[in-house]
Structures are given as C-alpha cells and as structure tokens.
N, C-alpha and C. Protein backbone atom coordinates (compact mmCIF):
# COMPACT_ATOMS: atom_id res chain seq x y z
N MET A 1 -14.91 -13.66 24.51
CA MET A 1 -16.06 -12.96 25.03
C MET A 1 -16.56 -13.75 26.24
N ASP A 2 -16.73 -13.06 27.36
CA ASP A 2 -17.19 -13.77 28.55
C ASP A 2 -18.70 -13.99 28.49
N ALA A 3 -19.19 -14.85 29.38
CA ALA A 3 -20.59 -15.28 29.35
C ALA A 3 -21.55 -14.12 29.59
N ALA A 4 -21.19 -13.20 30.49
CA ALA A 4 -22.08 -12.08 30.78
C ALA A 4 -22.22 -11.16 29.56
N ALA A 5 -21.11 -10.87 28.89
CA ALA A 5 -21.16 -10.03 27.69
C ALA A 5 -21.95 -10.71 26.58
N PHE A 6 -21.75 -12.02 26.45
CA PHE A 6 -22.49 -12.77 25.43
C PHE A 6 -24.00 -12.72 25.73
N ALA A 7 -24.38 -12.95 26.98
CA ALA A 7 -25.79 -12.94 27.36
C ALA A 7 -26.41 -11.56 27.14
N LEU A 8 -25.67 -10.51 27.46
CA LEU A 8 -26.16 -9.16 27.23
C LEU A 8 -26.34 -8.90 25.73
N GLY A 9 -25.38 -9.34 24.93
CA GLY A 9 -25.49 -9.20 23.48
C GLY A 9 -26.66 -9.96 22.91
N VAL A 10 -26.89 -11.17 23.42
CA VAL A 10 -28.02 -11.97 22.95
C VAL A 10 -29.33 -11.24 23.26
N ALA A 11 -29.43 -10.68 24.45
CA ALA A 11 -30.64 -9.93 24.81
C ALA A 11 -30.80 -8.70 23.92
N TRP A 12 -29.73 -7.98 23.66
CA TRP A 12 -29.75 -6.77 22.84
C TRP A 12 -30.16 -7.11 21.40
N ALA A 13 -29.72 -8.25 20.90
CA ALA A 13 -30.04 -8.66 19.53
C ALA A 13 -31.37 -9.41 19.43
N SER A 14 -32.04 -9.64 20.55
CA SER A 14 -33.21 -10.52 20.56
C SER A 14 -34.35 -10.10 19.63
N PRO A 15 -34.63 -8.82 19.40
CA PRO A 15 -35.72 -8.52 18.46
C PRO A 15 -35.46 -9.08 17.06
N VAL A 16 -34.23 -8.98 16.60
CA VAL A 16 -33.91 -9.50 15.27
C VAL A 16 -33.79 -11.03 15.32
N THR A 17 -33.26 -11.55 16.42
CA THR A 17 -33.17 -12.99 16.58
C THR A 17 -34.57 -13.62 16.50
N LEU A 18 -35.55 -12.97 17.11
CA LEU A 18 -36.92 -13.51 17.07
C LEU A 18 -37.43 -13.58 15.63
N ALA A 19 -37.12 -12.58 14.81
CA ALA A 19 -37.52 -12.61 13.40
C ALA A 19 -36.86 -13.79 12.69
N GLY A 20 -35.57 -14.02 12.95
CA GLY A 20 -34.87 -15.15 12.36
C GLY A 20 -35.43 -16.47 12.84
N LEU A 21 -35.73 -16.55 14.13
CA LEU A 21 -36.31 -17.76 14.69
C LEU A 21 -37.66 -18.07 14.07
N LEU A 22 -38.48 -17.05 13.90
CA LEU A 22 -39.79 -17.23 13.26
C LEU A 22 -39.62 -17.76 11.83
N ALA A 23 -38.70 -17.16 11.07
CA ALA A 23 -38.45 -17.63 9.69
C ALA A 23 -37.98 -19.08 9.70
N GLY A 24 -37.10 -19.43 10.62
CA GLY A 24 -36.61 -20.80 10.70
C GLY A 24 -37.69 -21.79 11.07
N LEU A 25 -38.55 -21.40 12.01
CA LEU A 25 -39.64 -22.29 12.42
C LEU A 25 -40.65 -22.48 11.31
N VAL A 26 -40.94 -21.42 10.54
CA VAL A 26 -41.84 -21.54 9.39
C VAL A 26 -41.23 -22.48 8.35
N ALA A 27 -39.91 -22.45 8.19
CA ALA A 27 -39.22 -23.27 7.20
C ALA A 27 -39.02 -24.71 7.64
N TRP A 28 -39.14 -24.99 8.93
CA TRP A 28 -38.90 -26.33 9.45
C TRP A 28 -39.73 -27.40 8.75
N PRO A 29 -41.05 -27.21 8.57
CA PRO A 29 -41.83 -28.25 7.88
C PRO A 29 -41.44 -28.42 6.41
N PHE A 30 -40.72 -27.45 5.86
CA PHE A 30 -40.30 -27.50 4.46
C PHE A 30 -38.86 -27.99 4.29
N GLY A 31 -38.30 -28.53 5.35
CA GLY A 31 -36.98 -29.16 5.25
C GLY A 31 -35.86 -28.50 6.03
N ALA A 32 -36.08 -27.32 6.59
CA ALA A 32 -35.02 -26.67 7.38
C ALA A 32 -34.73 -27.50 8.62
N ARG A 33 -33.45 -27.60 8.97
CA ARG A 33 -33.04 -28.40 10.12
C ARG A 33 -32.19 -27.55 11.06
N PRO A 34 -32.67 -27.36 12.32
CA PRO A 34 -31.94 -26.51 13.28
C PRO A 34 -30.76 -27.24 13.92
N ARG A 35 -29.72 -26.45 14.20
CA ARG A 35 -28.54 -26.96 14.89
C ARG A 35 -27.78 -25.77 15.49
N PHE A 36 -27.23 -25.93 16.68
CA PHE A 36 -26.42 -24.87 17.28
C PHE A 36 -24.98 -25.01 16.82
N THR A 37 -24.45 -23.96 16.20
CA THR A 37 -23.05 -23.92 15.79
C THR A 37 -22.68 -22.46 15.50
N ASP A 38 -21.42 -22.14 15.59
CA ASP A 38 -20.91 -20.80 15.28
C ASP A 38 -21.63 -19.71 16.08
N ARG A 39 -21.88 -20.00 17.36
CA ARG A 39 -22.51 -19.06 18.29
C ARG A 39 -23.93 -18.68 17.90
N ALA A 40 -24.61 -19.56 17.17
CA ALA A 40 -25.95 -19.23 16.69
C ALA A 40 -26.76 -20.50 16.51
N LEU A 41 -28.07 -20.30 16.40
CA LEU A 41 -28.96 -21.38 15.98
C LEU A 41 -29.01 -21.31 14.45
N VAL A 42 -28.52 -22.35 13.80
CA VAL A 42 -28.45 -22.38 12.34
C VAL A 42 -29.57 -23.28 11.82
N PHE A 43 -30.36 -22.75 10.90
CA PHE A 43 -31.35 -23.56 10.19
C PHE A 43 -30.73 -23.93 8.84
N HIS A 44 -30.20 -25.18 8.77
CA HIS A 44 -29.65 -25.68 7.52
C HIS A 44 -30.78 -26.09 6.58
N HIS A 45 -30.49 -26.14 5.30
CA HIS A 45 -31.46 -26.52 4.27
C HIS A 45 -32.66 -25.57 4.27
N PHE A 46 -32.41 -24.30 4.56
CA PHE A 46 -33.48 -23.29 4.50
C PHE A 46 -33.98 -23.27 3.06
N PRO A 47 -35.28 -23.45 2.84
CA PRO A 47 -35.77 -23.71 1.49
C PRO A 47 -35.94 -22.50 0.58
N TRP A 48 -35.78 -21.30 1.10
CA TRP A 48 -36.02 -20.11 0.27
C TRP A 48 -34.79 -19.23 0.22
N GLY A 49 -34.64 -18.50 -0.86
CA GLY A 49 -33.53 -17.58 -1.00
C GLY A 49 -32.60 -18.00 -2.12
N PRO A 50 -31.67 -17.11 -2.45
CA PRO A 50 -30.80 -17.35 -3.60
C PRO A 50 -29.65 -18.31 -3.32
N GLY A 51 -29.47 -18.73 -2.10
CA GLY A 51 -28.35 -19.60 -1.75
C GLY A 51 -27.42 -18.90 -0.78
N GLY A 52 -26.68 -19.67 -0.03
CA GLY A 52 -25.78 -19.08 0.95
C GLY A 52 -26.45 -18.99 2.31
N ALA A 53 -26.18 -17.90 3.02
CA ALA A 53 -26.68 -17.77 4.38
C ALA A 53 -27.07 -16.32 4.67
N LEU A 54 -27.99 -16.17 5.60
CA LEU A 54 -28.43 -14.86 6.08
C LEU A 54 -28.46 -14.93 7.59
N THR A 55 -27.79 -14.00 8.24
CA THR A 55 -27.78 -13.95 9.69
C THR A 55 -28.77 -12.91 10.18
N LEU A 56 -29.62 -13.31 11.11
CA LEU A 56 -30.57 -12.41 11.76
C LEU A 56 -30.40 -12.58 13.26
N GLY A 57 -29.64 -11.69 13.88
CA GLY A 57 -29.33 -11.81 15.30
C GLY A 57 -28.51 -13.05 15.56
N ASN A 58 -29.02 -13.94 16.40
CA ASN A 58 -28.33 -15.18 16.71
C ASN A 58 -28.91 -16.37 15.96
N VAL A 59 -29.52 -16.10 14.81
CA VAL A 59 -30.06 -17.15 13.95
C VAL A 59 -29.43 -16.99 12.57
N ILE A 60 -29.01 -18.11 12.01
CA ILE A 60 -28.47 -18.11 10.65
C ILE A 60 -29.38 -18.99 9.80
N LEU A 61 -29.91 -18.43 8.72
CA LEU A 61 -30.73 -19.17 7.77
C LEU A 61 -29.81 -19.57 6.63
N HIS A 62 -29.58 -20.87 6.48
CA HIS A 62 -28.56 -21.37 5.56
C HIS A 62 -29.18 -22.35 4.58
N THR A 63 -29.01 -22.10 3.30
CA THR A 63 -29.61 -22.98 2.30
C THR A 63 -28.86 -24.30 2.13
N GLY A 64 -27.63 -24.37 2.59
CA GLY A 64 -26.83 -25.58 2.46
C GLY A 64 -26.93 -26.48 3.67
N GLY A 65 -26.05 -27.46 3.72
CA GLY A 65 -26.10 -28.46 4.78
C GLY A 65 -25.02 -28.35 5.83
N SER A 66 -24.01 -27.49 5.62
CA SER A 66 -22.91 -27.38 6.57
C SER A 66 -22.31 -25.98 6.53
N MET A 67 -22.03 -25.45 7.71
CA MET A 67 -21.37 -24.15 7.80
C MET A 67 -19.88 -24.27 7.48
N ASP A 68 -19.41 -25.50 7.27
CA ASP A 68 -18.01 -25.72 6.92
C ASP A 68 -17.73 -25.50 5.44
N GLU A 69 -18.75 -25.28 4.63
CA GLU A 69 -18.49 -25.10 3.20
C GLU A 69 -17.68 -23.84 2.95
N ALA A 70 -16.85 -23.90 1.93
CA ALA A 70 -16.01 -22.76 1.55
C ALA A 70 -16.80 -21.87 0.60
N THR A 71 -16.63 -20.57 0.79
CA THR A 71 -17.29 -19.61 -0.08
C THR A 71 -16.30 -18.51 -0.45
N LEU A 72 -16.52 -17.89 -1.58
CA LEU A 72 -15.65 -16.80 -2.00
C LEU A 72 -15.90 -15.57 -1.15
N THR A 73 -14.85 -14.80 -0.90
CA THR A 73 -15.05 -13.52 -0.21
C THR A 73 -15.77 -12.56 -1.14
N TYR A 74 -16.36 -11.53 -0.57
CA TYR A 74 -17.06 -10.53 -1.39
C TYR A 74 -16.10 -9.82 -2.34
N ALA A 75 -14.89 -9.51 -1.87
CA ALA A 75 -13.90 -8.83 -2.73
C ALA A 75 -13.50 -9.74 -3.88
N CYS A 76 -13.34 -11.02 -3.62
CA CYS A 76 -12.95 -11.96 -4.66
C CYS A 76 -14.06 -12.07 -5.71
N ARG A 77 -15.31 -12.14 -5.26
CA ARG A 77 -16.43 -12.19 -6.20
C ARG A 77 -16.49 -10.93 -7.05
N ALA A 78 -16.23 -9.78 -6.43
CA ALA A 78 -16.32 -8.50 -7.15
C ALA A 78 -15.32 -8.43 -8.29
N ARG A 79 -14.14 -9.03 -8.09
CA ARG A 79 -13.14 -9.00 -9.17
C ARG A 79 -13.20 -10.27 -10.02
N GLN A 80 -14.24 -11.06 -9.79
CA GLN A 80 -14.49 -12.29 -10.53
C GLN A 80 -13.35 -13.28 -10.41
N GLY A 81 -12.76 -13.30 -9.22
CA GLY A 81 -11.68 -14.25 -8.95
C GLY A 81 -12.22 -15.54 -8.36
N THR A 82 -11.32 -16.45 -8.09
CA THR A 82 -11.68 -17.72 -7.47
C THR A 82 -10.66 -18.13 -6.41
N ASP A 83 -9.76 -17.22 -6.05
CA ASP A 83 -8.61 -17.58 -5.23
C ASP A 83 -8.78 -17.32 -3.74
N GLU A 84 -9.81 -16.62 -3.32
CA GLU A 84 -9.91 -16.25 -1.91
C GLU A 84 -11.20 -16.82 -1.32
N ARG A 85 -11.06 -17.94 -0.64
CA ARG A 85 -12.20 -18.63 -0.05
C ARG A 85 -12.10 -18.60 1.47
N VAL A 86 -13.27 -18.56 2.10
CA VAL A 86 -13.34 -18.60 3.56
C VAL A 86 -14.39 -19.63 3.96
N ARG A 87 -14.31 -20.06 5.21
CA ARG A 87 -15.34 -20.94 5.75
C ARG A 87 -16.59 -20.10 6.00
N LEU A 88 -17.72 -20.54 5.46
CA LEU A 88 -18.97 -19.78 5.58
C LEU A 88 -19.33 -19.52 7.04
N GLY A 89 -19.15 -20.50 7.90
CA GLY A 89 -19.48 -20.33 9.31
C GLY A 89 -18.67 -19.22 9.98
N ASP A 90 -17.42 -19.07 9.59
CA ASP A 90 -16.59 -18.00 10.15
C ASP A 90 -17.10 -16.62 9.71
N HIS A 91 -17.47 -16.52 8.43
CA HIS A 91 -18.01 -15.26 7.91
C HIS A 91 -19.32 -14.91 8.64
N GLU A 92 -20.21 -15.88 8.77
CA GLU A 92 -21.50 -15.61 9.42
C GLU A 92 -21.33 -15.37 10.92
N ARG A 93 -20.34 -16.03 11.55
CA ARG A 93 -20.09 -15.77 12.97
C ARG A 93 -19.71 -14.31 13.19
N ALA A 94 -18.99 -13.72 12.25
CA ALA A 94 -18.66 -12.29 12.37
C ALA A 94 -19.94 -11.46 12.40
N HIS A 95 -20.92 -11.82 11.57
CA HIS A 95 -22.19 -11.09 11.60
C HIS A 95 -22.92 -11.30 12.93
N VAL A 96 -22.83 -12.51 13.49
CA VAL A 96 -23.42 -12.75 14.81
C VAL A 96 -22.77 -11.82 15.83
N LEU A 97 -21.45 -11.70 15.81
CA LEU A 97 -20.75 -10.81 16.75
C LEU A 97 -21.14 -9.36 16.52
N GLN A 98 -21.32 -8.97 15.26
CA GLN A 98 -21.76 -7.61 14.95
C GLN A 98 -23.15 -7.36 15.54
N TYR A 99 -24.04 -8.34 15.42
CA TYR A 99 -25.38 -8.22 16.01
C TYR A 99 -25.30 -8.13 17.53
N LEU A 100 -24.42 -8.90 18.15
CA LEU A 100 -24.30 -8.85 19.61
C LEU A 100 -23.93 -7.45 20.07
N ALA A 101 -23.11 -6.75 19.30
CA ALA A 101 -22.69 -5.40 19.66
C ALA A 101 -23.73 -4.34 19.28
N LEU A 102 -24.34 -4.51 18.11
CA LEU A 102 -25.21 -3.46 17.57
C LEU A 102 -26.70 -3.73 17.76
N GLY A 103 -27.07 -4.95 18.06
CA GLY A 103 -28.46 -5.31 18.29
C GLY A 103 -29.36 -4.86 17.15
N PRO A 104 -30.49 -4.24 17.46
CA PRO A 104 -31.43 -3.84 16.42
C PRO A 104 -30.92 -2.72 15.51
N LEU A 105 -29.78 -2.13 15.85
CA LEU A 105 -29.19 -1.10 14.98
C LEU A 105 -28.45 -1.72 13.79
N PHE A 106 -28.16 -3.03 13.87
CA PHE A 106 -27.38 -3.67 12.82
C PHE A 106 -28.01 -3.49 11.44
N LEU A 107 -29.26 -3.88 11.28
CA LEU A 107 -29.87 -3.84 9.94
C LEU A 107 -29.90 -2.45 9.33
N PRO A 108 -30.35 -1.41 10.04
CA PRO A 108 -30.31 -0.08 9.41
C PRO A 108 -28.89 0.36 9.06
N LEU A 109 -27.92 0.06 9.93
CA LEU A 109 -26.53 0.43 9.63
C LEU A 109 -25.99 -0.38 8.45
N TYR A 110 -26.32 -1.66 8.41
CA TYR A 110 -25.88 -2.52 7.31
C TYR A 110 -26.38 -1.98 5.98
N PHE A 111 -27.66 -1.65 5.91
CA PHE A 111 -28.20 -1.15 4.65
C PHE A 111 -27.72 0.27 4.35
N ALA A 112 -27.47 1.08 5.37
CA ALA A 112 -26.90 2.41 5.15
C ALA A 112 -25.49 2.32 4.57
N CYS A 113 -24.81 1.21 4.84
CA CYS A 113 -23.45 1.01 4.32
C CYS A 113 -23.44 0.30 2.96
N GLY A 114 -24.59 0.12 2.36
CA GLY A 114 -24.63 -0.42 1.00
C GLY A 114 -25.31 -1.76 0.82
N GLY A 115 -25.79 -2.38 1.89
CA GLY A 115 -26.46 -3.66 1.75
C GLY A 115 -25.51 -4.77 1.30
N ILE A 116 -26.04 -5.72 0.57
CA ILE A 116 -25.25 -6.88 0.14
C ILE A 116 -24.36 -6.46 -1.02
N HIS A 117 -23.14 -6.06 -0.69
CA HIS A 117 -22.21 -5.52 -1.69
C HIS A 117 -20.79 -5.62 -1.15
N HIS A 118 -19.83 -5.80 -2.04
CA HIS A 118 -18.45 -5.96 -1.58
C HIS A 118 -17.88 -4.70 -0.92
N ASP A 119 -18.47 -3.53 -1.20
CA ASP A 119 -17.99 -2.30 -0.56
C ASP A 119 -18.56 -2.08 0.83
N ASN A 120 -19.52 -2.91 1.25
CA ASN A 120 -20.13 -2.75 2.56
C ASN A 120 -19.12 -3.11 3.64
N ARG A 121 -18.90 -2.20 4.55
CA ARG A 121 -17.89 -2.42 5.61
C ARG A 121 -18.22 -3.60 6.50
N PHE A 122 -19.51 -3.95 6.65
CA PHE A 122 -19.88 -5.12 7.44
C PHE A 122 -19.43 -6.41 6.75
N GLU A 123 -19.59 -6.47 5.43
CA GLU A 123 -19.15 -7.65 4.68
C GLU A 123 -17.62 -7.71 4.62
N GLN A 124 -16.98 -6.57 4.48
CA GLN A 124 -15.51 -6.55 4.49
C GLN A 124 -14.98 -7.05 5.83
N ALA A 125 -15.61 -6.60 6.92
CA ALA A 125 -15.18 -7.04 8.25
C ALA A 125 -15.44 -8.53 8.44
N ALA A 126 -16.58 -9.02 7.95
CA ALA A 126 -16.89 -10.46 8.08
C ALA A 126 -15.89 -11.30 7.29
N ASP A 127 -15.53 -10.84 6.10
CA ASP A 127 -14.51 -11.55 5.32
C ASP A 127 -13.16 -11.50 6.02
N ARG A 128 -12.80 -10.35 6.56
CA ARG A 128 -11.52 -10.21 7.27
C ARG A 128 -11.48 -11.16 8.46
N TYR A 129 -12.57 -11.22 9.21
CA TYR A 129 -12.65 -12.11 10.36
C TYR A 129 -12.54 -13.58 9.92
N ALA A 130 -13.23 -13.92 8.82
CA ALA A 130 -13.19 -15.30 8.33
C ALA A 130 -11.79 -15.67 7.83
N LEU A 131 -11.06 -14.71 7.30
CA LEU A 131 -9.71 -14.97 6.80
C LEU A 131 -8.67 -15.03 7.92
N THR A 132 -8.85 -14.19 8.95
CA THR A 132 -7.79 -14.04 9.96
C THR A 132 -8.19 -14.40 11.38
N GLY A 133 -9.50 -14.52 11.64
CA GLY A 133 -9.97 -14.75 13.01
C GLY A 133 -10.00 -13.49 13.85
N ARG A 134 -9.78 -12.34 13.20
CA ARG A 134 -9.76 -11.05 13.90
C ARG A 134 -10.47 -10.01 13.04
N GLY A 135 -10.92 -8.94 13.69
CA GLY A 135 -11.41 -7.78 12.95
C GLY A 135 -12.86 -7.84 12.51
N TRP A 136 -13.77 -8.38 13.34
CA TRP A 136 -15.18 -8.45 12.97
C TRP A 136 -15.90 -7.11 13.08
N TRP A 137 -15.34 -6.18 13.84
CA TRP A 137 -15.98 -4.85 14.02
C TRP A 137 -15.84 -4.07 12.72
N PRO A 138 -16.94 -3.48 12.20
CA PRO A 138 -16.89 -2.86 10.86
C PRO A 138 -16.21 -1.49 10.79
N TRP A 139 -15.86 -0.91 11.93
CA TRP A 139 -15.16 0.38 11.90
C TRP A 139 -13.81 0.25 12.57
N PRO A 140 -12.80 0.95 12.06
CA PRO A 140 -11.47 0.87 12.70
C PRO A 140 -11.49 1.51 14.08
N ARG A 141 -10.63 1.01 14.96
CA ARG A 141 -10.47 1.63 16.28
C ARG A 141 -9.83 3.00 16.09
N PRO A 142 -10.18 3.97 16.92
CA PRO A 142 -9.54 5.28 16.80
C PRO A 142 -8.02 5.16 16.89
N GLY A 143 -7.34 5.75 15.93
CA GLY A 143 -5.89 5.75 15.89
C GLY A 143 -5.28 4.47 15.35
N ALA A 144 -6.11 3.51 14.91
CA ALA A 144 -5.58 2.22 14.45
C ALA A 144 -5.22 2.23 12.97
N GLY A 145 -5.63 3.26 12.24
CA GLY A 145 -5.36 3.29 10.81
C GLY A 145 -6.35 2.43 10.05
N PRO A 146 -6.20 2.35 8.75
CA PRO A 146 -7.16 1.58 7.95
C PRO A 146 -7.01 0.07 8.21
N PRO A 147 -8.14 -0.65 8.19
CA PRO A 147 -8.06 -2.09 8.43
C PRO A 147 -7.39 -2.81 7.26
N ALA A 148 -6.66 -3.86 7.58
CA ALA A 148 -6.06 -4.69 6.54
C ALA A 148 -7.13 -5.62 5.98
N VAL A 149 -7.19 -5.75 4.68
CA VAL A 149 -8.19 -6.62 4.06
C VAL A 149 -7.55 -7.78 3.41
C-alpha cells in the first residue's frame, strides 16, 4: 500500500480511530501503554475487556503485552480445536486494513455480518490474512470464486 492510499485510509477511518484513541488515553493512567506497531497505535495492557484485542480504526486496544502472542483462529475455536494459531498482530492488522478501506462503514457492516463470531466474514478474512499474509478483504473479488480458508 503506498503512502497516499494509506494516508487517505487513515483520514477515512479517523472518526473510529478517534474513539479508539479516546479509550486508550482514558486507559493510560490505569496501565495501558501505547506503541506503534502493525500499522496502528496499540495500547498494550488495556485494563478492561474479556482479553485479546479490539481494533477501532488505526487503534488497537490490547489486554496483553505483545502483538506477537499466538491466538487461535475463530474457526479453530468454534470447533474447539487447538491446532490453528495465528499471530495476534497479523489478525488485527487485517482489521486495520479493513478500516482503511471501509472507514466508518466498518462497524455497521461488521455487526451486520454477525459481530464477534466465527461465521463473520470479517473475522474469517482476518484469520485468512494472519495465516497466509493475503486476503484481508471480507468479500471475494468478482469472478474469483469462494475464498480459501
């Protein structure tokens, strides 16, 4: 992605990024620590939430200490497996890229597709991207056939 496209995406996603930034700044006195990584401002040690990470535009709120931690894919969790792990930062970077393309439309589309669930095409695409480094867009290209998972 070239710099101009990235800057345009950052501007397009800025309303949601501001919400993430506000949450991170509120959490800072409670132990959250900001760092730039995975094309986003990551607040590590975010003190609230069930664990894991939440991406809001170009901000990632992460309850852990490193985006390098391995996490199970959504499909693996759904079948109660333990064999398919991805780097958390790669999964969340896919959501950052989705926000760059969809901006403020991301959240309504994400929840219209099922929210936090293994059947959600946004989560499937993020897992695919984390596994292969490709395929962060949640819809197949016209004529491309079904995405490989």
